[in-house]
Amino acid sequence: MMRPPNELPAVYVCVAPVDFRLQINGLAARVQESLLLDPLSAQLFVFSNHWRNRVKILYWERNGFVLWQKRLERDRFYWPRSEGATVSLTGQQLNWLLDGFDLSKWRGHARLHYDYVA
């Protein structure tokens, strides 16, 4: 099984759906021109179709592009929302998204700040 490692520092998720007829060249051009990011960097770029039942992940590995795809047969992915063109996730969050978790509903404990120890 091939999965992105949890230790990835950053993953860029394209918020808007893309035409899934796009392959490596089209997705790399989308990263560079629309998202204003470098497709040749060591980052993962994640795309979904309009129905949110398919995901493509594009990344550059040493000497060439790799394109990974997942298609759901019945469900849909809970896609992140943002005012910007992308959402940045960790590798672990990407794996949660691929497993069907809704990341917007996950909240960690609030950060506490104290002036002194009682």
N, C-alpha and C. Protein backbone atom coordinates (compact mmCIF):
# COMPACT_ATOMS: atom_id res chain seq x y z
N MET A 1 0.84 -1.17 0.00
CA MET A 1 0.00 0.00 0.00
C MET A 1 0.89 1.24 0.00
N MET A 2 0.52 2.23 -0.77
CA MET A 2 1.27 3.48 -0.83
C MET A 2 0.44 4.58 -0.19
N ARG A 3 1.00 5.20 0.83
CA ARG A 3 0.34 6.31 1.51
C ARG A 3 1.36 7.39 1.79
N PRO A 4 0.95 8.66 1.84
CA PRO A 4 1.89 9.72 2.22
C PRO A 4 2.34 9.52 3.66
N PRO A 5 3.61 9.75 3.95
CA PRO A 5 4.07 9.60 5.33
C PRO A 5 3.49 10.69 6.24
N ASN A 6 3.23 10.34 7.49
CA ASN A 6 2.69 11.29 8.46
C ASN A 6 3.66 12.42 8.77
N GLU A 7 4.94 12.22 8.51
CA GLU A 7 5.97 13.20 8.89
C GLU A 7 6.13 14.33 7.88
N LEU A 8 5.33 14.38 6.84
CA LEU A 8 5.45 15.45 5.86
C LEU A 8 5.28 16.80 6.54
N PRO A 9 6.13 17.77 6.22
CA PRO A 9 6.01 19.08 6.87
C PRO A 9 4.81 19.88 6.38
N ALA A 10 4.49 19.82 5.09
CA ALA A 10 3.37 20.60 4.57
C ALA A 10 2.81 19.95 3.32
N VAL A 11 1.51 20.00 3.22
CA VAL A 11 0.78 19.50 2.07
C VAL A 11 -0.15 20.63 1.64
N TYR A 12 -0.21 20.93 0.36
CA TYR A 12 -1.08 21.99 -0.13
C TYR A 12 -2.31 21.38 -0.79
N VAL A 13 -3.47 21.68 -0.23
CA VAL A 13 -4.73 21.17 -0.75
C VAL A 13 -5.40 22.28 -1.55
N CYS A 14 -5.66 22.02 -2.81
CA CYS A 14 -6.35 22.98 -3.67
C CYS A 14 -7.82 22.98 -3.28
N VAL A 15 -8.33 24.11 -2.86
CA VAL A 15 -9.70 24.20 -2.34
C VAL A 15 -10.73 24.01 -3.46
N ALA A 16 -10.52 24.61 -4.60
CA ALA A 16 -11.46 24.53 -5.71
C ALA A 16 -11.32 23.19 -6.43
N PRO A 17 -12.43 22.63 -6.91
CA PRO A 17 -12.33 21.38 -7.67
C PRO A 17 -11.63 21.61 -9.01
N VAL A 18 -11.01 20.55 -9.52
CA VAL A 18 -10.32 20.62 -10.81
C VAL A 18 -10.93 19.60 -11.77
N ASP A 19 -10.71 19.84 -13.04
CA ASP A 19 -11.13 18.91 -14.08
C ASP A 19 -10.24 17.68 -13.98
N PHE A 20 -10.81 16.52 -13.74
CA PHE A 20 -10.00 15.33 -13.53
C PHE A 20 -9.46 14.71 -14.81
N ARG A 21 -9.72 15.34 -15.93
CA ARG A 21 -9.04 14.93 -17.15
C ARG A 21 -7.61 15.45 -17.16
N LEU A 22 -7.31 16.44 -16.29
CA LEU A 22 -5.94 16.95 -16.18
C LEU A 22 -5.03 15.86 -15.66
N GLN A 23 -3.87 15.76 -16.27
CA GLN A 23 -2.87 14.81 -15.82
C GLN A 23 -1.68 15.59 -15.26
N ILE A 24 -0.52 15.01 -15.28
CA ILE A 24 0.66 15.60 -14.63
C ILE A 24 0.94 17.01 -15.15
N ASN A 25 1.03 17.20 -16.45
CA ASN A 25 1.38 18.52 -16.99
C ASN A 25 0.32 19.56 -16.64
N GLY A 26 -0.94 19.22 -16.78
CA GLY A 26 -2.01 20.16 -16.47
C GLY A 26 -2.06 20.52 -14.99
N LEU A 27 -1.87 19.54 -14.12
CA LEU A 27 -1.88 19.81 -12.69
C LEU A 27 -0.66 20.62 -12.27
N ALA A 28 0.50 20.31 -12.84
CA ALA A 28 1.71 21.09 -12.54
C ALA A 28 1.54 22.54 -12.98
N ALA A 29 0.92 22.75 -14.13
CA ALA A 29 0.65 24.12 -14.59
C ALA A 29 -0.33 24.81 -13.65
N ARG A 30 -1.32 24.10 -13.15
CA ARG A 30 -2.28 24.68 -12.20
C ARG A 30 -1.57 25.10 -10.93
N VAL A 31 -0.66 24.27 -10.43
CA VAL A 31 0.10 24.60 -9.22
C VAL A 31 0.89 25.89 -9.44
N GLN A 32 1.56 25.98 -10.58
CA GLN A 32 2.43 27.12 -10.85
C GLN A 32 1.65 28.40 -11.17
N GLU A 33 0.62 28.31 -11.99
CA GLU A 33 -0.06 29.51 -12.48
C GLU A 33 -1.22 29.96 -11.59
N SER A 34 -2.02 29.04 -11.12
CA SER A 34 -3.19 29.41 -10.32
C SER A 34 -2.90 29.49 -8.82
N LEU A 35 -2.14 28.51 -8.32
CA LEU A 35 -1.84 28.48 -6.89
C LEU A 35 -0.60 29.28 -6.54
N LEU A 36 0.18 29.68 -7.57
CA LEU A 36 1.42 30.45 -7.40
C LEU A 36 2.41 29.74 -6.47
N LEU A 37 2.53 28.43 -6.65
CA LEU A 37 3.47 27.62 -5.89
C LEU A 37 4.40 26.90 -6.86
N ASP A 38 5.47 26.34 -6.34
CA ASP A 38 6.47 25.67 -7.17
C ASP A 38 6.17 24.17 -7.24
N PRO A 39 5.74 23.67 -8.39
CA PRO A 39 5.44 22.24 -8.50
C PRO A 39 6.69 21.35 -8.40
N LEU A 40 7.87 21.95 -8.54
CA LEU A 40 9.11 21.17 -8.46
C LEU A 40 9.68 21.13 -7.04
N SER A 41 8.96 21.70 -6.09
CA SER A 41 9.40 21.62 -4.69
C SER A 41 9.07 20.24 -4.14
N ALA A 42 9.59 19.94 -2.99
CA ALA A 42 9.35 18.62 -2.39
C ALA A 42 8.07 18.64 -1.55
N GLN A 43 6.99 19.18 -2.10
CA GLN A 43 5.70 19.26 -1.41
C GLN A 43 4.68 18.42 -2.15
N LEU A 44 3.61 18.09 -1.47
CA LEU A 44 2.49 17.40 -2.09
C LEU A 44 1.40 18.41 -2.41
N PHE A 45 0.80 18.25 -3.58
CA PHE A 45 -0.30 19.11 -4.02
C PHE A 45 -1.51 18.21 -4.25
N VAL A 46 -2.59 18.50 -3.54
CA VAL A 46 -3.75 17.62 -3.51
C VAL A 46 -4.92 18.30 -4.21
N PHE A 47 -5.59 17.55 -5.09
CA PHE A 47 -6.70 18.06 -5.88
C PHE A 47 -7.89 17.11 -5.74
N SER A 48 -9.09 17.65 -5.91
CA SER A 48 -10.29 16.84 -5.90
C SER A 48 -11.16 17.24 -7.08
N ASN A 49 -12.08 16.33 -7.46
CA ASN A 49 -13.04 16.64 -8.50
C ASN A 49 -14.25 17.35 -7.90
N HIS A 50 -15.21 17.70 -8.74
CA HIS A 50 -16.39 18.44 -8.29
C HIS A 50 -17.23 17.65 -7.29
N TRP A 51 -17.34 16.35 -7.47
CA TRP A 51 -18.18 15.53 -6.60
C TRP A 51 -17.47 15.09 -5.32
N ARG A 52 -16.19 15.42 -5.20
CA ARG A 52 -15.39 15.09 -4.01
C ARG A 52 -15.31 13.59 -3.73
N ASN A 53 -15.37 12.80 -4.79
CA ASN A 53 -15.21 11.36 -4.60
C ASN A 53 -13.90 10.85 -5.19
N ARG A 54 -13.08 11.77 -5.68
CA ARG A 54 -11.76 11.41 -6.21
C ARG A 54 -10.72 12.43 -5.76
N VAL A 55 -9.52 11.92 -5.56
CA VAL A 55 -8.40 12.76 -5.15
C VAL A 55 -7.19 12.40 -6.00
N LYS A 56 -6.48 13.44 -6.41
CA LYS A 56 -5.18 13.25 -7.07
C LYS A 56 -4.14 13.99 -6.25
N ILE A 57 -2.98 13.37 -6.09
CA ILE A 57 -1.86 13.98 -5.38
C ILE A 57 -0.67 14.02 -6.33
N LEU A 58 -0.15 15.22 -6.52
CA LEU A 58 1.00 15.42 -7.41
C LEU A 58 2.20 15.81 -6.59
N TYR A 59 3.35 15.21 -6.88
CA TYR A 59 4.59 15.65 -6.24
C TYR A 59 5.79 15.31 -7.11
N TRP A 60 6.83 16.08 -6.88
CA TRP A 60 8.10 15.90 -7.58
C TRP A 60 8.99 15.03 -6.72
N GLU A 61 9.52 13.95 -7.31
CA GLU A 61 10.42 13.05 -6.59
C GLU A 61 11.74 12.96 -7.35
N ARG A 62 12.74 13.62 -6.85
CA ARG A 62 14.11 13.64 -7.37
C ARG A 62 14.25 13.95 -8.85
N ASN A 63 13.69 13.11 -9.73
CA ASN A 63 13.92 13.30 -11.16
C ASN A 63 12.65 13.18 -12.02
N GLY A 64 11.49 13.29 -11.37
CA GLY A 64 10.25 13.21 -12.14
C GLY A 64 9.03 13.37 -11.25
N PHE A 65 7.90 13.61 -11.90
CA PHE A 65 6.65 13.77 -11.18
C PHE A 65 6.03 12.41 -10.85
N VAL A 66 5.30 12.39 -9.75
CA VAL A 66 4.51 11.22 -9.36
C VAL A 66 3.07 11.70 -9.23
N LEU A 67 2.14 10.93 -9.77
CA LEU A 67 0.72 11.25 -9.65
C LEU A 67 0.03 10.06 -9.00
N TRP A 68 -0.60 10.33 -7.86
CA TRP A 68 -1.29 9.31 -7.06
C TRP A 68 -2.77 9.63 -7.10
N GLN A 69 -3.63 8.62 -7.22
CA GLN A 69 -5.07 8.87 -7.30
C GLN A 69 -5.83 7.88 -6.43
N LYS A 70 -6.90 8.38 -5.81
CA LYS A 70 -7.81 7.53 -5.04
C LYS A 70 -9.23 7.85 -5.48
N ARG A 71 -10.03 6.81 -5.72
CA ARG A 71 -11.43 6.95 -6.10
C ARG A 71 -12.30 6.23 -5.09
N LEU A 72 -13.25 6.96 -4.51
CA LEU A 72 -14.20 6.35 -3.59
C LEU A 72 -15.37 5.78 -4.38
N GLU A 73 -15.85 4.64 -3.98
CA GLU A 73 -16.95 4.00 -4.68
C GLU A 73 -18.31 4.50 -4.21
N ARG A 74 -18.44 4.88 -2.92
CA ARG A 74 -19.75 5.29 -2.41
C ARG A 74 -19.72 6.64 -1.69
N ASP A 75 -18.69 6.95 -0.97
CA ASP A 75 -18.65 8.13 -0.11
C ASP A 75 -18.03 9.31 -0.84
N ARG A 76 -17.90 10.40 -0.08
CA ARG A 76 -17.23 11.61 -0.55
C ARG A 76 -16.20 12.03 0.49
N PHE A 77 -15.20 12.76 0.03
CA PHE A 77 -14.21 13.32 0.94
C PHE A 77 -14.76 14.59 1.57
N TYR A 78 -14.46 14.80 2.84
CA TYR A 78 -14.79 16.06 3.51
C TYR A 78 -13.68 17.03 3.16
N TRP A 79 -13.96 17.95 2.26
CA TRP A 79 -12.92 18.82 1.72
C TRP A 79 -12.78 20.08 2.55
N PRO A 80 -11.56 20.50 2.85
CA PRO A 80 -11.37 21.74 3.62
C PRO A 80 -11.84 22.96 2.85
N ARG A 81 -12.30 23.95 3.58
CA ARG A 81 -12.75 25.21 2.98
C ARG A 81 -11.83 26.33 3.43
N SER A 82 -11.70 27.32 2.56
CA SER A 82 -10.82 28.44 2.88
C SER A 82 -11.15 29.60 1.96
N GLU A 83 -10.80 30.79 2.41
CA GLU A 83 -10.92 31.98 1.56
C GLU A 83 -9.83 31.99 0.50
N GLY A 84 -8.70 31.36 0.79
CA GLY A 84 -7.59 31.32 -0.15
C GLY A 84 -7.73 30.17 -1.13
N ALA A 85 -6.74 30.03 -2.00
CA ALA A 85 -6.76 28.99 -3.02
C ALA A 85 -6.34 27.63 -2.46
N THR A 86 -5.56 27.64 -1.36
CA THR A 86 -5.08 26.39 -0.79
C THR A 86 -5.28 26.36 0.71
N VAL A 87 -5.24 25.15 1.23
CA VAL A 87 -5.19 24.91 2.67
C VAL A 87 -3.95 24.08 2.91
N SER A 88 -3.19 24.42 3.93
CA SER A 88 -1.98 23.68 4.26
C SER A 88 -2.29 22.66 5.35
N LEU A 89 -1.91 21.42 5.11
CA LEU A 89 -2.11 20.33 6.07
C LEU A 89 -0.79 19.66 6.35
N THR A 90 -0.75 18.88 7.41
CA THR A 90 0.39 18.00 7.68
C THR A 90 0.14 16.67 6.98
N GLY A 91 1.15 15.84 6.95
CA GLY A 91 0.98 14.50 6.38
C GLY A 91 -0.06 13.70 7.13
N GLN A 92 -0.08 13.81 8.44
CA GLN A 92 -1.05 13.08 9.23
C GLN A 92 -2.48 13.55 8.94
N GLN A 93 -2.67 14.86 8.81
CA GLN A 93 -3.99 15.39 8.48
C GLN A 93 -4.44 14.94 7.09
N LEU A 94 -3.50 14.87 6.15
CA LEU A 94 -3.84 14.38 4.82
C LEU A 94 -4.32 12.94 4.89
N ASN A 95 -3.64 12.12 5.66
CA ASN A 95 -4.08 10.72 5.80
C ASN A 95 -5.44 10.63 6.46
N TRP A 96 -5.72 11.50 7.42
CA TRP A 96 -7.06 11.53 8.03
C TRP A 96 -8.10 11.90 6.98
N LEU A 97 -7.79 12.90 6.15
CA LEU A 97 -8.71 13.30 5.09
C LEU A 97 -8.96 12.14 4.14
N LEU A 98 -7.91 11.42 3.75
CA LEU A 98 -8.05 10.28 2.85
C LEU A 98 -8.85 9.15 3.50
N ASP A 99 -8.83 9.07 4.82
CA ASP A 99 -9.59 8.05 5.55
C ASP A 99 -11.04 8.45 5.78
N GLY A 100 -11.42 9.68 5.41
CA GLY A 100 -12.81 10.09 5.50
C GLY A 100 -13.17 10.94 6.69
N PHE A 101 -12.19 11.44 7.43
CA PHE A 101 -12.49 12.28 8.58
C PHE A 101 -12.73 13.73 8.15
N ASP A 102 -13.65 14.39 8.83
CA ASP A 102 -13.94 15.80 8.59
C ASP A 102 -13.03 16.63 9.49
N LEU A 103 -11.98 17.19 8.93
CA LEU A 103 -10.97 17.91 9.71
C LEU A 103 -11.52 19.18 10.33
N SER A 104 -12.58 19.76 9.76
CA SER A 104 -13.12 21.00 10.31
C SER A 104 -13.80 20.79 11.66
N LYS A 105 -14.17 19.57 11.97
CA LYS A 105 -14.86 19.29 13.24
C LYS A 105 -13.90 18.87 14.35
N TRP A 106 -12.66 18.70 14.01
CA TRP A 106 -11.67 18.28 15.02
C TRP A 106 -11.08 19.51 15.67
N ARG A 107 -11.21 19.59 16.93
CA ARG A 107 -10.67 20.70 17.71
C ARG A 107 -9.79 20.14 18.82
N GLY A 108 -8.63 20.71 18.94
CA GLY A 108 -7.75 20.32 20.04
C GLY A 108 -8.10 21.10 21.30
N HIS A 109 -7.41 20.81 22.36
CA HIS A 109 -7.60 21.55 23.60
C HIS A 109 -7.14 23.00 23.40
N ALA A 110 -7.79 23.91 24.07
CA ALA A 110 -7.41 25.32 23.99
C ALA A 110 -6.06 25.54 24.66
N ARG A 111 -5.28 26.46 24.12
CA ARG A 111 -3.99 26.79 24.71
C ARG A 111 -4.23 27.70 25.91
N LEU A 112 -3.63 27.38 27.03
CA LEU A 112 -3.78 28.17 28.26
C LEU A 112 -2.54 29.00 28.49
N HIS A 113 -2.74 30.22 28.99
CA HIS A 113 -1.64 31.13 29.32
C HIS A 113 -1.82 31.62 30.75
N TYR A 114 -0.81 31.45 31.55
CA TYR A 114 -0.85 31.89 32.94
C TYR A 114 0.30 32.86 33.21
N ASP A 115 0.08 33.76 34.15
CA ASP A 115 1.11 34.69 34.56
C ASP A 115 1.99 34.13 35.67
N TYR A 116 1.45 33.19 36.42
CA TYR A 116 2.20 32.60 37.53
C TYR A 116 1.62 31.24 37.85
N VAL A 117 2.38 30.46 38.59
CA VAL A 117 1.95 29.12 39.01
C VAL A 117 1.31 29.25 40.39
N ALA A 118 0.12 28.71 40.56
CA ALA A 118 -0.57 28.80 41.85
C ALA A 118 -0.32 27.58 42.69
